Amino acid sequence: MTEAKKEQTSTHKIGIYLWIWGLLFVLSFFSYMVDWYNFQGLLRWSLILFFMFLKAGLIMAFFMHLFWERYALVNVLLWPMTAIACFVSLMMAEGKYTVFSRLFYFFVGGA
């Protein structure tokens, strides 16, 4: 009987998956509404990225079963995002250096 009880507690009810599917459809609807209402500029891209990250987080948390495994959630989200942030900051620093050096040699000259 303890084996059956263990087996019963390790399964997840179908209702949570149906709620997540519904929430994903609602978030997709909102991301389509961003195009429908012709948002432009920073607001448009902020909303698109916001809805995209919400949907990706829900998919990873529930359909990849990371919500119930905290250590795996940390390893899947924290380390890659930290690496991406480091690479983006390095690219920004290199871009600023490139712009500075080009403008410097444009105005001062190569002498």
N, C-alpha and C. Protein backbone atom coordinates (compact mmCIF):
# COMPACT_ATOMS: atom_id res chain seq x y z
N MET A 1 0.82 -1.20 0.00
CA MET A 1 0.00 0.00 0.00
C MET A 1 0.86 1.26 0.00
N THR A 2 2.01 1.20 0.60
CA THR A 2 2.86 2.39 0.60
C THR A 2 3.39 2.70 -0.80
N GLU A 3 3.62 1.66 -1.61
CA GLU A 3 4.06 1.88 -2.99
C GLU A 3 2.99 2.61 -3.79
N ALA A 4 1.73 2.20 -3.59
CA ALA A 4 0.63 2.86 -4.31
C ALA A 4 0.49 4.30 -3.85
N LYS A 5 0.70 4.54 -2.56
CA LYS A 5 0.59 5.90 -2.06
C LYS A 5 1.72 6.77 -2.61
N LYS A 6 2.94 6.23 -2.68
CA LYS A 6 4.05 6.96 -3.27
C LYS A 6 3.78 7.29 -4.73
N GLU A 7 3.26 6.31 -5.44
CA GLU A 7 2.97 6.50 -6.85
C GLU A 7 1.90 7.57 -7.06
N GLN A 8 0.93 7.60 -6.18
CA GLN A 8 -0.16 8.56 -6.31
C GLN A 8 0.33 9.98 -6.03
N THR A 9 1.23 10.16 -5.08
CA THR A 9 1.69 11.51 -4.76
C THR A 9 2.69 12.03 -5.79
N SER A 10 3.34 11.15 -6.56
CA SER A 10 4.32 11.62 -7.52
C SER A 10 3.70 12.03 -8.85
N THR A 11 2.44 11.70 -9.09
CA THR A 11 1.80 12.12 -10.33
C THR A 11 1.13 13.47 -10.14
N HIS A 12 0.96 14.16 -11.24
CA HIS A 12 0.34 15.49 -11.20
C HIS A 12 -1.02 15.39 -11.86
N LYS A 13 -1.95 16.15 -11.33
CA LYS A 13 -3.31 16.11 -11.86
C LYS A 13 -3.36 16.82 -13.20
N ILE A 14 -4.26 16.38 -14.05
CA ILE A 14 -4.39 16.93 -15.40
C ILE A 14 -4.89 18.38 -15.36
N GLY A 15 -5.57 18.76 -14.29
CA GLY A 15 -6.12 20.11 -14.19
C GLY A 15 -5.06 21.19 -14.26
N ILE A 16 -3.91 20.95 -13.64
CA ILE A 16 -2.86 21.97 -13.67
C ILE A 16 -2.35 22.18 -15.09
N TYR A 17 -2.27 21.10 -15.86
CA TYR A 17 -1.82 21.23 -17.24
C TYR A 17 -2.85 21.95 -18.09
N LEU A 18 -4.13 21.72 -17.83
CA LEU A 18 -5.17 22.43 -18.58
C LEU A 18 -5.16 23.92 -18.25
N TRP A 19 -4.93 24.27 -16.98
CA TRP A 19 -4.82 25.68 -16.60
C TRP A 19 -3.62 26.34 -17.28
N ILE A 20 -2.51 25.64 -17.35
CA ILE A 20 -1.32 26.20 -17.99
C ILE A 20 -1.55 26.37 -19.48
N TRP A 21 -2.22 25.39 -20.12
CA TRP A 21 -2.56 25.53 -21.54
C TRP A 21 -3.43 26.77 -21.75
N GLY A 22 -4.43 26.93 -20.90
CA GLY A 22 -5.30 28.10 -21.01
C GLY A 22 -4.53 29.40 -20.83
N LEU A 23 -3.64 29.41 -19.85
CA LEU A 23 -2.84 30.61 -19.61
C LEU A 23 -1.91 30.90 -20.79
N LEU A 24 -1.37 29.86 -21.40
CA LEU A 24 -0.53 30.06 -22.58
C LEU A 24 -1.33 30.64 -23.74
N PHE A 25 -2.56 30.19 -23.91
CA PHE A 25 -3.41 30.76 -24.96
C PHE A 25 -3.73 32.22 -24.67
N VAL A 26 -3.99 32.56 -23.42
CA VAL A 26 -4.27 33.95 -23.05
C VAL A 26 -3.05 34.83 -23.30
N LEU A 27 -1.87 34.35 -22.91
CA LEU A 27 -0.65 35.13 -23.14
C LEU A 27 -0.36 35.28 -24.63
N SER A 28 -0.64 34.24 -25.41
CA SER A 28 -0.47 34.35 -26.87
C SER A 28 -1.45 35.36 -27.45
N PHE A 29 -2.66 35.38 -26.93
CA PHE A 29 -3.65 36.36 -27.38
C PHE A 29 -3.15 37.78 -27.11
N PHE A 30 -2.59 38.01 -25.91
CA PHE A 30 -2.08 39.34 -25.59
C PHE A 30 -0.89 39.71 -26.47
N SER A 31 -0.03 38.74 -26.79
CA SER A 31 1.10 39.08 -27.65
C SER A 31 0.62 39.38 -29.07
N TYR A 32 -0.45 38.74 -29.54
CA TYR A 32 -1.02 39.09 -30.84
C TYR A 32 -1.70 40.46 -30.80
N MET A 33 -2.25 40.83 -29.67
CA MET A 33 -2.88 42.13 -29.54
C MET A 33 -1.86 43.27 -29.63
N VAL A 34 -0.62 42.98 -29.26
CA VAL A 34 0.44 43.98 -29.42
C VAL A 34 0.56 44.36 -30.90
N ASP A 35 0.49 43.38 -31.79
CA ASP A 35 0.52 43.67 -33.23
C ASP A 35 -0.78 44.30 -33.71
N TRP A 36 -1.89 43.83 -33.20
CA TRP A 36 -3.20 44.32 -33.64
C TRP A 36 -3.35 45.81 -33.38
N TYR A 37 -2.90 46.26 -32.20
CA TYR A 37 -3.04 47.67 -31.83
C TYR A 37 -1.86 48.52 -32.28
N ASN A 38 -0.93 47.94 -33.04
CA ASN A 38 0.19 48.66 -33.63
C ASN A 38 1.02 49.43 -32.61
N PHE A 39 1.35 48.77 -31.50
CA PHE A 39 2.30 49.39 -30.58
C PHE A 39 3.64 49.52 -31.30
N GLN A 40 4.36 50.60 -31.03
CA GLN A 40 5.62 50.84 -31.71
C GLN A 40 6.72 51.14 -30.70
N GLY A 41 7.95 50.95 -31.13
CA GLY A 41 9.10 51.35 -30.34
C GLY A 41 9.39 50.43 -29.17
N LEU A 42 9.86 51.05 -28.10
CA LEU A 42 10.29 50.31 -26.92
C LEU A 42 9.14 49.57 -26.24
N LEU A 43 7.95 50.16 -26.24
CA LEU A 43 6.79 49.50 -25.64
C LEU A 43 6.47 48.20 -26.35
N ARG A 44 6.51 48.21 -27.67
CA ARG A 44 6.22 47.01 -28.47
C ARG A 44 7.17 45.88 -28.12
N TRP A 45 8.47 46.17 -28.17
CA TRP A 45 9.45 45.11 -27.93
C TRP A 45 9.49 44.68 -26.48
N SER A 46 9.22 45.59 -25.57
CA SER A 46 9.14 45.22 -24.15
C SER A 46 7.98 44.26 -23.91
N LEU A 47 6.82 44.56 -24.48
CA LEU A 47 5.66 43.67 -24.31
C LEU A 47 5.88 42.31 -24.97
N ILE A 48 6.45 42.32 -26.17
CA ILE A 48 6.70 41.05 -26.86
C ILE A 48 7.65 40.18 -26.05
N LEU A 49 8.74 40.76 -25.55
CA LEU A 49 9.70 40.00 -24.75
C LEU A 49 9.10 39.55 -23.42
N PHE A 50 8.29 40.42 -22.81
CA PHE A 50 7.65 40.06 -21.55
C PHE A 50 6.75 38.84 -21.71
N PHE A 51 5.89 38.86 -22.71
CA PHE A 51 5.00 37.72 -22.94
C PHE A 51 5.78 36.47 -23.35
N MET A 52 6.84 36.66 -24.12
CA MET A 52 7.65 35.52 -24.54
C MET A 52 8.32 34.86 -23.35
N PHE A 53 8.89 35.65 -22.45
CA PHE A 53 9.55 35.08 -21.27
C PHE A 53 8.54 34.42 -20.34
N LEU A 54 7.36 35.00 -20.20
CA LEU A 54 6.33 34.36 -19.38
C LEU A 54 5.93 33.00 -19.93
N LYS A 55 5.72 32.94 -21.24
CA LYS A 55 5.33 31.67 -21.84
C LYS A 55 6.45 30.64 -21.75
N ALA A 56 7.67 31.06 -22.00
CA ALA A 56 8.80 30.13 -21.90
C ALA A 56 8.99 29.64 -20.47
N GLY A 57 8.81 30.52 -19.51
CA GLY A 57 8.93 30.11 -18.11
C GLY A 57 7.86 29.12 -17.70
N LEU A 58 6.63 29.35 -18.15
CA LEU A 58 5.55 28.41 -17.83
C LEU A 58 5.80 27.04 -18.47
N ILE A 59 6.26 27.05 -19.71
CA ILE A 59 6.52 25.78 -20.39
C ILE A 59 7.62 25.02 -19.68
N MET A 60 8.69 25.73 -19.33
CA MET A 60 9.79 25.05 -18.64
C MET A 60 9.38 24.57 -17.26
N ALA A 61 8.65 25.40 -16.54
CA ALA A 61 8.31 25.05 -15.16
C ALA A 61 7.35 23.87 -15.09
N PHE A 62 6.34 23.84 -15.93
CA PHE A 62 5.30 22.82 -15.77
C PHE A 62 5.44 21.66 -16.74
N PHE A 63 5.70 21.93 -18.02
CA PHE A 63 5.76 20.83 -18.97
C PHE A 63 7.10 20.11 -18.96
N MET A 64 8.15 20.79 -18.49
CA MET A 64 9.43 20.11 -18.32
C MET A 64 9.62 19.66 -16.87
N HIS A 65 8.59 19.83 -16.04
CA HIS A 65 8.55 19.39 -14.65
C HIS A 65 9.64 20.02 -13.79
N LEU A 66 10.06 21.23 -14.13
CA LEU A 66 11.08 21.90 -13.34
C LEU A 66 10.50 22.60 -12.12
N PHE A 67 9.21 22.81 -12.09
CA PHE A 67 8.57 23.45 -10.94
C PHE A 67 8.72 22.59 -9.70
N TRP A 68 8.71 21.29 -9.88
CA TRP A 68 8.79 20.37 -8.75
C TRP A 68 10.22 19.98 -8.42
N GLU A 69 11.16 20.43 -9.22
CA GLU A 69 12.57 20.14 -8.97
C GLU A 69 13.31 21.46 -8.91
N ARG A 70 13.48 21.99 -7.73
CA ARG A 70 14.05 23.33 -7.56
C ARG A 70 15.49 23.41 -8.05
N TYR A 71 16.29 22.40 -7.77
CA TYR A 71 17.69 22.43 -8.17
C TYR A 71 17.82 22.46 -9.69
N ALA A 72 17.01 21.69 -10.38
CA ALA A 72 17.04 21.69 -11.85
C ALA A 72 16.58 23.04 -12.39
N LEU A 73 15.59 23.65 -11.75
CA LEU A 73 15.11 24.96 -12.19
C LEU A 73 16.21 26.00 -12.08
N VAL A 74 16.96 25.94 -10.99
CA VAL A 74 18.07 26.88 -10.82
C VAL A 74 19.13 26.66 -11.89
N ASN A 75 19.46 25.40 -12.14
CA ASN A 75 20.49 25.11 -13.14
C ASN A 75 20.06 25.45 -14.55
N VAL A 76 18.79 25.30 -14.86
CA VAL A 76 18.31 25.59 -16.21
C VAL A 76 18.15 27.10 -16.42
N LEU A 77 17.74 27.82 -15.41
CA LEU A 77 17.49 29.25 -15.58
C LEU A 77 18.65 30.14 -15.15
N LEU A 78 19.21 29.89 -13.99
CA LEU A 78 20.17 30.83 -13.41
C LEU A 78 21.49 30.85 -14.17
N TRP A 79 22.09 29.72 -14.42
CA TRP A 79 23.41 29.70 -15.03
C TRP A 79 23.40 30.16 -16.49
N PRO A 80 22.48 29.70 -17.33
CA PRO A 80 22.50 30.24 -18.70
C PRO A 80 22.18 31.73 -18.77
N MET A 81 21.25 32.20 -17.94
CA MET A 81 20.93 33.63 -17.96
C MET A 81 22.12 34.46 -17.47
N THR A 82 22.85 33.96 -16.49
CA THR A 82 24.04 34.66 -16.01
C THR A 82 25.10 34.72 -17.12
N ALA A 83 25.29 33.62 -17.82
CA ALA A 83 26.26 33.61 -18.92
C ALA A 83 25.84 34.57 -20.03
N ILE A 84 24.56 34.58 -20.36
CA ILE A 84 24.07 35.49 -21.41
C ILE A 84 24.27 36.94 -20.99
N ALA A 85 23.97 37.26 -19.74
CA ALA A 85 24.17 38.63 -19.25
C ALA A 85 25.64 39.03 -19.31
N CYS A 86 26.53 38.12 -18.97
CA CYS A 86 27.97 38.42 -19.07
C CYS A 86 28.38 38.66 -20.51
N PHE A 87 27.92 37.82 -21.42
CA PHE A 87 28.27 38.00 -22.83
C PHE A 87 27.70 39.29 -23.40
N VAL A 88 26.49 39.63 -23.02
CA VAL A 88 25.89 40.89 -23.51
C VAL A 88 26.67 42.08 -22.98
N SER A 89 27.07 42.04 -21.72
CA SER A 89 27.84 43.17 -21.17
C SER A 89 29.21 43.27 -21.84
N LEU A 90 29.83 42.15 -22.15
CA LEU A 90 31.11 42.18 -22.88
C LEU A 90 30.93 42.75 -24.28
N MET A 91 29.84 42.37 -24.97
CA MET A 91 29.59 42.90 -26.31
C MET A 91 29.30 44.40 -26.26
N MET A 92 28.60 44.85 -25.23
CA MET A 92 28.34 46.29 -25.11
C MET A 92 29.63 47.06 -24.88
N ALA A 93 30.50 46.53 -24.02
CA ALA A 93 31.78 47.19 -23.77
C ALA A 93 32.63 47.24 -25.03
N GLU A 94 32.66 46.15 -25.79
CA GLU A 94 33.42 46.13 -27.03
C GLU A 94 32.84 47.08 -28.07
N GLY A 95 31.51 47.16 -28.12
CA GLY A 95 30.87 48.08 -29.05
C GLY A 95 31.17 49.53 -28.72
N LYS A 96 31.15 49.86 -27.43
CA LYS A 96 31.47 51.24 -27.04
C LYS A 96 32.93 51.57 -27.36
N TYR A 97 33.83 50.61 -27.13
CA TYR A 97 35.24 50.83 -27.46
C TYR A 97 35.41 51.04 -28.96
N THR A 98 34.71 50.24 -29.77
CA THR A 98 34.82 50.37 -31.22
C THR A 98 34.32 51.73 -31.69
N VAL A 99 33.18 52.15 -31.18
CA VAL A 99 32.64 53.47 -31.55
C VAL A 99 33.59 54.57 -31.11
N PHE A 100 34.12 54.48 -29.89
CA PHE A 100 35.06 55.49 -29.40
C PHE A 100 36.30 55.56 -30.28
N SER A 101 36.89 54.40 -30.60
CA SER A 101 38.12 54.42 -31.40
C SER A 101 37.86 54.93 -32.82
N ARG A 102 36.74 54.57 -33.42
CA ARG A 102 36.43 55.08 -34.76
C ARG A 102 36.22 56.59 -34.75
N LEU A 103 35.46 57.08 -33.77
CA LEU A 103 35.26 58.53 -33.70
C LEU A 103 36.55 59.26 -33.40
N PHE A 104 37.38 58.70 -32.54
CA PHE A 104 38.65 59.32 -32.19
C PHE A 104 39.53 59.46 -33.43
N TYR A 105 39.69 58.38 -34.20
CA TYR A 105 40.53 58.43 -35.39
C TYR A 105 39.88 59.23 -36.52
N PHE A 106 38.56 59.34 -36.52
CA PHE A 106 37.89 60.15 -37.52
C PHE A 106 38.17 61.64 -37.31
N PHE A 107 38.11 62.07 -36.04
CA PHE A 107 38.31 63.48 -35.73
C PHE A 107 39.77 63.85 -35.57
N VAL A 108 40.57 63.00 -34.94
CA VAL A 108 41.97 63.34 -34.69
C VAL A 108 42.82 62.95 -35.88
N GLY A 109 42.52 61.85 -36.50
CA GLY A 109 43.31 61.40 -37.65
C GLY A 109 44.26 60.30 -37.23
N GLY A 110 44.85 59.67 -38.18
CA GLY A 110 45.72 58.53 -37.91
C GLY A 110 47.16 58.94 -37.69
N ALA A 111 47.47 60.23 -37.61
CA ALA A 111 48.85 60.68 -37.46
C ALA A 111 49.30 60.32 -36.08
